[in-house]
Amino acid sequence: MFTGIIQTTGVVRSLRRESGAVHLVLDAPGLTRPIPEGSSICVHGVCLTVARSDSIGPHFDVVGETIKRSTLGALSVGERVNLERSLRLGDPMDGHVVQGHVDGTGRVERIQTSSQGQALTIAVDDALMPFIIPKGAVAVDGVSLTVAEAGPDNFTVALIPTTLARTTLGALRVGDQVNLETDILVRTIVMTVRRWRDRRVSGPLSVEALRENGW
């Protein structure tokens, strides 16, 4: 589990594509050591398992499903990525609950710059919009952000100067694709209500009724 508070950025050292998968190697001197084999690191919002590591950074094997659902397959050598180590017991929870299970991608639709930072508007597939609500949380390329506004097919987040300086979001341009993970709490509520509706269960929605129906 992660929080969406980016600890450092890394740089893609190499990408080797083979049999529908990608072997990804990062230069990440800012990651705390040691980096054990089998540990989890959130790379641009995607939870990846460390295959091995060397003195410069970690190596990952990225499977086809991850490539299909995220932007990792489109990375290029020299590109920066956001990095976060997984939480340990007692670590501060400064962002929100991020699983590193990307729901899909969005496209940067508009960037508005002011003295306070940037307002970033991202176009989203219809399937994800029910899980994106004003003042709710969303992870964009692994960064925990608060939704300022939500339209029918896009949402807007505010990026403060600290976020722009410490993550890759300040380098985004209109048309760029970003990884998106919606808030697990919102997803749970929406999916529960949908299943309740689809089962056409009679009676009021209550804790007892949920238990009776397998929740």
C-alpha atoms as a PDB file:
ATOM      1  CA  MET A   1       0.000   0.000   0.000  1.00  0.00           C
ATOM      2  CA  PHE A   2       1.095   3.568  -0.742  1.00  0.00           C
ATOM      3  CA  THR A   3       0.006   7.118   0.057  1.00  0.00           C
ATOM      4  CA  GLY A   4       0.610   9.016  -3.182  1.00  0.00           C
ATOM      5  CA  ILE A   5       3.272  11.163  -1.509  1.00  0.00           C
ATOM      6  CA  ILE A   6       6.179  10.911  -3.950  1.00  0.00           C
ATOM      7  CA  GLN A   7       9.504  10.242  -2.231  1.00  0.00           C
ATOM      8  CA  THR A   8      11.778  10.783  -5.211  1.00  0.00           C
ATOM      9  CA  THR A   9      11.910  10.524  -8.994  1.00  0.00           C
ATOM     10  CA  GLY A  10      13.904   8.090 -11.083  1.00  0.00           C
ATOM     11  CA  VAL A  11      15.092   7.966 -14.676  1.00  0.00           C
ATOM     12  CA  VAL A  12      14.514   5.114 -17.106  1.00  0.00           C
ATOM     13  CA  ARG A  13      17.904   3.494 -17.710  1.00  0.00           C
ATOM     14  CA  SER A  14      16.741   0.769 -20.096  1.00  0.00           C
ATOM     15  CA  LEU A  15      13.634  -0.925 -21.507  1.00  0.00           C
ATOM     16  CA  ARG A  16      13.857  -4.397 -22.972  1.00  0.00           C
ATOM     17  CA  ARG A  17      10.719  -5.725 -24.617  1.00  0.00           C
ATOM     18  CA  GLU A  18      10.283  -9.490 -24.894  1.00  0.00           C
ATOM     19  CA  SER A  19       7.234 -11.752 -25.366  1.00  0.00           C
ATOM     20  CA  GLY A  20       4.704  -9.035 -24.632  1.00  0.00           C
ATOM     21  CA  ALA A  21       6.416  -7.955 -21.405  1.00  0.00           C
ATOM     22  CA  VAL A  22       8.978  -5.268 -20.571  1.00  0.00           C
ATOM     23  CA  HIS A  23      12.092  -5.467 -18.397  1.00  0.00           C
ATOM     24  CA  LEU A  24      12.393  -1.995 -16.887  1.00  0.00           C
ATOM     25  CA  VAL A  25      15.554  -0.693 -15.208  1.00  0.00           C
ATOM     26  CA  LEU A  26      15.647   2.619 -13.348  1.00  0.00           C
ATOM     27  CA  ASP A  27      18.364   4.932 -12.136  1.00  0.00           C
ATOM     28  CA  ALA A  28      17.027   5.883  -8.710  1.00  0.00           C
ATOM     29  CA  PRO A  29      19.769   7.096  -6.380  1.00  0.00           C
ATOM     30  CA  GLY A  30      17.180   8.921  -4.257  1.00  0.00           C
ATOM     31  CA  LEU A  31      15.426   5.707  -3.148  1.00  0.00           C
ATOM     32  CA  THR A  32      16.230   4.638   0.386  1.00  0.00           C
ATOM     33  CA  ARG A  33      18.446   1.568   0.640  1.00  0.00           C
ATOM     34  CA  PRO A  34      18.404  -1.364   0.815  1.00  0.00           C
ATOM     35  CA  ILE A  35      16.001  -2.247  -2.022  1.00  0.00           C
ATOM     36  CA  PRO A  36      15.234  -5.932  -1.347  1.00  0.00           C
ATOM     37  CA  GLU A  37      14.271  -8.356  -4.089  1.00  0.00           C
ATOM     38  CA  GLY A  38      10.503  -8.898  -3.943  1.00  0.00           C
ATOM     39  CA  SER A  39       9.722  -5.526  -2.375  1.00  0.00           C
ATOM     40  CA  SER A  40       7.062  -3.244  -3.844  1.00  0.00           C
ATOM     41  CA  ILE A  41       7.680   0.172  -5.370  1.00  0.00           C
ATOM     42  CA  CYS A  42       5.041   2.431  -6.911  1.00  0.00           C
ATOM     43  CA  VAL A  43       6.419   3.530 -10.299  1.00  0.00           C
ATOM     44  CA  HIS A  44       4.385   6.325 -11.898  1.00  0.00           C
ATOM     45  CA  GLY A  45       1.359   5.053  -9.973  1.00  0.00           C
ATOM     46  CA  VAL A  46       1.871   1.351 -10.744  1.00  0.00           C
ATOM     47  CA  CYS A  47       2.816  -1.113  -8.003  1.00  0.00           C
ATOM     48  CA  LEU A  48       5.772  -3.146  -9.295  1.00  0.00           C
ATOM     49  CA  THR A  49       7.800  -5.917  -7.672  1.00  0.00           C
ATOM     50  CA  VAL A  50      11.569  -5.520  -7.557  1.00  0.00           C
ATOM     51  CA  ALA A  51      13.136  -8.360  -9.564  1.00  0.00           C
ATOM     52  CA  ARG A  52      16.597  -7.310  -8.426  1.00  0.00           C
ATOM     53  CA  SER A  53      18.527  -4.134  -7.732  1.00  0.00           C
ATOM     54  CA  ASP A  54      22.039  -2.825  -8.190  1.00  0.00           C
ATOM     55  CA  SER A  55      23.964   0.132  -6.822  1.00  0.00           C
ATOM     56  CA  ILE A  56      22.089   2.561  -9.078  1.00  0.00           C
ATOM     57  CA  GLY A  57      18.500   1.387  -8.974  1.00  0.00           C
ATOM     58  CA  PRO A  58      15.864  -1.363  -9.205  1.00  0.00           C
ATOM     59  CA  HIS A  59      14.941  -3.752 -12.026  1.00  0.00           C
ATOM     60  CA  PHE A  60      11.317  -4.729 -12.759  1.00  0.00           C
ATOM     61  CA  ASP A  61       9.484  -7.182 -15.007  1.00  0.00           C
ATOM     62  CA  VAL A  62       6.327  -5.476 -16.290  1.00  0.00           C
ATOM     63  CA  VAL A  63       3.678  -7.921 -17.539  1.00  0.00           C
ATOM     64  CA  GLY A  64       1.341  -7.436 -20.478  1.00  0.00           C
ATOM     65  CA  GLU A  65      -1.756  -6.596 -18.400  1.00  0.00           C
ATOM     66  CA  THR A  66       0.113  -3.741 -16.698  1.00  0.00           C
ATOM     67  CA  ILE A  67       1.364  -2.461 -20.057  1.00  0.00           C
ATOM     68  CA  LYS A  68      -2.187  -2.522 -21.432  1.00  0.00           C
ATOM     69  CA  ARG A  69      -3.703  -0.597 -18.521  1.00  0.00           C
ATOM     70  CA  SER A  70      -0.952   1.968 -17.916  1.00  0.00           C
ATOM     71  CA  THR A  71       1.557   4.215 -19.660  1.00  0.00           C
ATOM     72  CA  LEU A  72       4.601   2.156 -18.619  1.00  0.00           C
ATOM     73  CA  GLY A  73       4.879   0.474 -22.011  1.00  0.00           C
ATOM     74  CA  ALA A  74       5.231   3.885 -23.664  1.00  0.00           C
ATOM     75  CA  LEU A  75       8.133   5.051 -21.479  1.00  0.00           C
ATOM     76  CA  SER A  76      11.404   5.941 -23.159  1.00  0.00           C
ATOM     77  CA  VAL A  77      15.014   5.870 -21.982  1.00  0.00           C
ATOM     78  CA  GLY A  78      15.844   9.052 -20.073  1.00  0.00           C
ATOM     79  CA  GLU A  79      12.239   9.729 -19.024  1.00  0.00           C
ATOM     80  CA  ARG A  80      11.558  10.636 -15.387  1.00  0.00           C
ATOM     81  CA  VAL A  81       9.104   8.641 -13.273  1.00  0.00           C
ATOM     82  CA  ASN A  82       7.569   9.197  -9.829  1.00  0.00           C
ATOM     83  CA  LEU A  83       8.623   6.719  -7.132  1.00  0.00           C
ATOM     84  CA  GLU A  84       7.260   5.728  -3.725  1.00  0.00           C
ATOM     85  CA  ARG A  85       8.296   2.873  -1.446  1.00  0.00           C
ATOM     86  CA  SER A  86       5.496   0.850   0.152  1.00  0.00           C
ATOM     87  CA  LEU A  87       4.248   1.820   3.595  1.00  0.00           C
ATOM     88  CA  ARG A  88       5.616   0.313   6.783  1.00  0.00           C
ATOM     89  CA  LEU A  89       3.771   0.040  10.084  1.00  0.00           C
ATOM     90  CA  GLY A  90       3.910   3.438  11.774  1.00  0.00           C
ATOM     91  CA  ASP A  91       4.624   5.464   8.628  1.00  0.00           C
ATOM     92  CA  PRO A  92       2.645   8.729   8.315  1.00  0.00           C
ATOM     93  CA  MET A  93      -0.472   8.635   6.127  1.00  0.00           C
ATOM     94  CA  ASP A  94      -0.173  12.085   4.552  1.00  0.00           C
ATOM     95  CA  GLY A  95      -1.913  11.409   1.225  1.00  0.00           C
ATOM     96  CA  HIS A  96      -4.664   8.812   0.741  1.00  0.00           C
ATOM     97  CA  VAL A  97      -4.852   5.043   0.347  1.00  0.00           C
ATOM     98  CA  VAL A  98      -3.178   4.191  -2.971  1.00  0.00           C
ATOM     99  CA  GLN A  99      -2.951   0.545  -4.026  1.00  0.00           C
ATOM    100  CA  GLY A 100      -0.843   0.995  -7.132  1.00  0.00           C
ATOM    101  CA  HIS A 101      -3.542  -0.790  -9.150  1.00  0.00           C
ATOM    102  CA  VAL A 102      -4.069   1.617 -12.034  1.00  0.00           C
ATOM    103  CA  ASP A 103      -7.684   1.810 -13.240  1.00  0.00           C
ATOM    104  CA  GLY A 104      -6.747   3.246 -16.612  1.00  0.00           C
ATOM    105  CA  THR A 105      -5.251   6.273 -18.272  1.00  0.00           C
ATOM    106  CA  GLY A 106      -6.420   9.826 -18.896  1.00  0.00           C
ATOM    107  CA  ARG A 107      -5.348  12.542 -21.318  1.00  0.00           C
ATOM    108  CA  VAL A 108      -4.214  16.025 -20.307  1.00  0.00           C
ATOM    109  CA  GLU A 109      -6.858  18.300 -21.794  1.00  0.00           C
ATOM    110  CA  ARG A 110      -5.948  21.715 -20.409  1.00  0.00           C
ATOM    111  CA  ILE A 111      -3.241  23.338 -18.266  1.00  0.00           C
ATOM    112  CA  GLN A 112      -3.839  26.714 -16.632  1.00  0.00           C
ATOM    113  CA  THR A 113      -0.856  28.367 -14.952  1.00  0.00           C
ATOM    114  CA  SER A 114      -1.024  31.050 -12.271  1.00  0.00           C
ATOM    115  CA  SER A 115       1.151  32.416  -9.467  1.00  0.00           C
ATOM    116  CA  GLN A 116      -0.334  29.760  -7.158  1.00  0.00           C
ATOM    117  CA  GLY A 117       0.613  26.822  -9.401  1.00  0.00           C
ATOM    118  CA  GLN A 118      -1.348  25.023 -12.095  1.00  0.00           C
ATOM    119  CA  ALA A 119      -4.869  23.764 -12.699  1.00  0.00           C
ATOM    120  CA  LEU A 120      -4.687  20.501 -14.628  1.00  0.00           C
ATOM    121  CA  THR A 121      -7.761  19.180 -16.466  1.00  0.00           C
ATOM    122  CA  ILE A 122      -7.722  15.522 -17.481  1.00  0.00           C
ATOM    123  CA  ALA A 123     -10.128  13.809 -19.879  1.00  0.00           C
ATOM    124  CA  VAL A 124     -11.311  10.408 -18.630  1.00  0.00           C
ATOM    125  CA  ASP A 125     -13.196   7.415 -20.025  1.00  0.00           C
ATOM    126  CA  ASP A 126     -16.866   7.228 -19.031  1.00  0.00           C
ATOM    127  CA  ALA A 127     -16.214   4.055 -17.029  1.00  0.00           C
ATOM    128  CA  LEU A 128     -14.023   5.912 -14.515  1.00  0.00           C
ATOM    129  CA  MET A 129     -16.047   9.090 -14.012  1.00  0.00           C
ATOM    130  CA  PRO A 130     -18.495   7.647 -11.425  1.00  0.00           C
ATOM    131  CA  PHE A 131     -15.517   7.123  -9.101  1.00  0.00           C
ATOM    132  CA  ILE A 132     -14.202  10.695  -9.414  1.00  0.00           C
ATOM    133  CA  ILE A 133     -16.038  13.175  -7.198  1.00  0.00           C
ATOM    134  CA  PRO A 134     -15.389  16.807  -6.178  1.00  0.00           C
ATOM    135  CA  LYS A 135     -13.148  16.982  -3.077  1.00  0.00           C
ATOM    136  CA  GLY A 136     -12.450  13.270  -3.452  1.00  0.00           C
ATOM    137  CA  ALA A 137      -8.993  11.774  -3.953  1.00  0.00           C
ATOM    138  CA  VAL A 138      -7.318  10.565  -7.128  1.00  0.00           C
ATOM    139  CA  ALA A 139      -3.775   9.414  -7.929  1.00  0.00           C
ATOM    140  CA  VAL A 140      -2.296  10.887 -11.123  1.00  0.00           C
ATOM    141  CA  ASP A 141       0.954   9.160 -12.126  1.00  0.00           C
ATOM    142  CA  GLY A 142       1.121   8.045  -8.496  1.00  0.00           C
ATOM    143  CA  VAL A 143       0.630  11.531  -6.996  1.00  0.00           C
ATOM    144  CA  SER A 144      -2.147  11.933  -4.409  1.00  0.00           C
ATOM    145  CA  LEU A 145      -4.361  14.842  -5.458  1.00  0.00           C
ATOM    146  CA  THR A 146      -7.726  16.319  -4.511  1.00  0.00           C
ATOM    147  CA  VAL A 147     -10.362  16.684  -7.218  1.00  0.00           C
ATOM    148  CA  ALA A 148     -11.254  20.376  -7.506  1.00  0.00           C
ATOM    149  CA  GLU A 149     -13.980  19.937 -10.131  1.00  0.00           C
ATOM    150  CA  ALA A 150     -15.563  16.983 -11.918  1.00  0.00           C
ATOM    151  CA  GLY A 151     -17.378  17.322 -15.232  1.00  0.00           C
ATOM    152  CA  PRO A 152     -19.205  14.699 -17.305  1.00  0.00           C
ATOM    153  CA  ASP A 153     -16.008  13.431 -18.950  1.00  0.00           C
ATOM    154  CA  ASN A 154     -13.101  15.201 -17.211  1.00  0.00           C
ATOM    155  CA  PHE A 155     -11.838  16.435 -13.872  1.00  0.00           C
ATOM    156  CA  THR A 156      -9.550  19.204 -12.645  1.00  0.00           C
ATOM    157  CA  VAL A 157      -6.882  19.137  -9.939  1.00  0.00           C
ATOM    158  CA  ALA A 158      -4.777  21.961  -8.502  1.00  0.00           C
ATOM    159  CA  LEU A 159      -1.002  21.523  -8.451  1.00  0.00           C
ATOM    160  CA  ILE A 160       0.906  23.605  -5.919  1.00  0.00           C
ATOM    161  CA  PRO A 161       4.516  24.670  -6.626  1.00  0.00           C
ATOM    162  CA  THR A 162       5.866  21.940  -4.310  1.00  0.00           C
ATOM    163  CA  THR A 163       4.100  19.240  -6.324  1.00  0.00           C
ATOM    164  CA  LEU A 164       5.312  20.743  -9.596  1.00  0.00           C
ATOM    165  CA  ALA A 165       8.896  20.801  -8.330  1.00  0.00           C
ATOM    166  CA  ARG A 166       9.041  17.378  -6.628  1.00  0.00           C
ATOM    167  CA  THR A 167       7.161  15.232  -9.173  1.00  0.00           C
ATOM    168  CA  THR A 168       6.943  14.782 -12.933  1.00  0.00           C
ATOM    169  CA  LEU A 169       3.556  16.517 -13.168  1.00  0.00           C
ATOM    170  CA  GLY A 170       5.178  19.878 -13.862  1.00  0.00           C
ATOM    171  CA  ALA A 171       6.550  18.501 -17.143  1.00  0.00           C
ATOM    172  CA  LEU A 172       3.154  17.418 -18.485  1.00  0.00           C
ATOM    173  CA  ARG A 173       1.882  18.897 -21.738  1.00  0.00           C
ATOM    174  CA  VAL A 174      -1.559  18.951 -23.344  1.00  0.00           C
ATOM    175  CA  GLY A 175      -2.181  15.588 -24.985  1.00  0.00           C
ATOM    176  CA  ASP A 176       0.034  13.583 -22.620  1.00  0.00           C
ATOM    177  CA  GLN A 177      -1.349  10.344 -21.166  1.00  0.00           C
ATOM    178  CA  VAL A 178      -1.298   9.816 -17.388  1.00  0.00           C
ATOM    179  CA  ASN A 179      -1.965   6.837 -15.125  1.00  0.00           C
ATOM    180  CA  LEU A 180      -5.082   7.129 -12.974  1.00  0.00           C
ATOM    181  CA  GLU A 181      -6.142   5.314  -9.826  1.00  0.00           C
ATOM    182  CA  THR A 182      -9.473   6.321  -8.337  1.00  0.00           C
ATOM    183  CA  ASP A 183     -10.157   6.313  -4.605  1.00  0.00           C
ATOM    184  CA  ILE A 184     -10.765   2.773  -3.287  1.00  0.00           C
ATOM    185  CA  LEU A 185     -13.341   4.104  -0.795  1.00  0.00           C
ATOM    186  CA  VAL A 186     -15.418   5.747  -3.533  1.00  0.00           C
ATOM    187  CA  ARG A 187     -15.090   2.647  -5.752  1.00  0.00           C
ATOM    188  CA  THR A 188     -16.299   0.413  -2.932  1.00  0.00           C
ATOM    189  CA  ILE A 189     -19.375   2.547  -2.273  1.00  0.00           C
ATOM    190  CA  VAL A 190     -20.309   2.918  -5.958  1.00  0.00           C
ATOM    191  CA  MET A 191     -19.817  -0.788  -6.723  1.00  0.00           C
ATOM    192  CA  THR A 192     -21.802  -1.831  -3.629  1.00  0.00           C
ATOM    193  CA  VAL A 193     -24.743   0.351  -4.628  1.00  0.00           C
ATOM    194  CA  ARG A 194     -24.557  -0.895  -8.232  1.00  0.00           C
ATOM    195  CA  ARG A 195     -24.606  -4.539  -7.146  1.00  0.00           C
ATOM    196  CA  TRP A 196     -27.458  -3.845  -4.786  1.00  0.00           C
ATOM    197  CA  ARG A 197     -29.386  -2.217  -7.643  1.00  0.00           C
ATOM    198  CA  ASP A 198     -28.580  -4.993 -10.134  1.00  0.00           C
ATOM    199  CA  ARG A 199     -29.698  -7.725  -7.725  1.00  0.00           C
ATOM    200  CA  ARG A 200     -32.986  -5.843  -7.288  1.00  0.00           C
ATOM    201  CA  VAL A 201     -32.971  -6.598  -3.586  1.00  0.00           C
ATOM    202  CA  SER A 202     -36.116  -5.428  -1.862  1.00  0.00           C
ATOM    203  CA  GLY A 203     -36.092  -3.487   1.368  1.00  0.00           C
ATOM    204  CA  PRO A 204     -33.850  -0.732   2.701  1.00  0.00           C
ATOM    205  CA  LEU A 205     -30.070  -0.739   2.427  1.00  0.00           C
ATOM    206  CA  SER A 206     -28.743  -1.643   5.886  1.00  0.00           C
ATOM    207  CA  VAL A 207     -25.798  -3.422   7.484  1.00  0.00           C
ATOM    208  CA  GLU A 208     -27.981  -6.466   8.167  1.00  0.00           C
ATOM    209  CA  ALA A 209     -29.244  -6.575   4.581  1.00  0.00           C
ATOM    210  CA  LEU A 210     -25.694  -6.326   3.233  1.00  0.00           C
ATOM    211  CA  ARG A 211     -24.573  -9.233   5.406  1.00  0.00           C
ATOM    212  CA  GLU A 212     -27.517 -11.349   4.265  1.00  0.00           C
ATOM    213  CA  ASN A 213     -26.512 -10.755   0.659  1.00  0.00           C
ATOM    214  CA  GLY A 214     -22.875 -11.702   1.003  1.00  0.00           C
ATOM    215  CA  TRP A 215     -21.198  -8.425   1.919  1.00  0.00           C
END
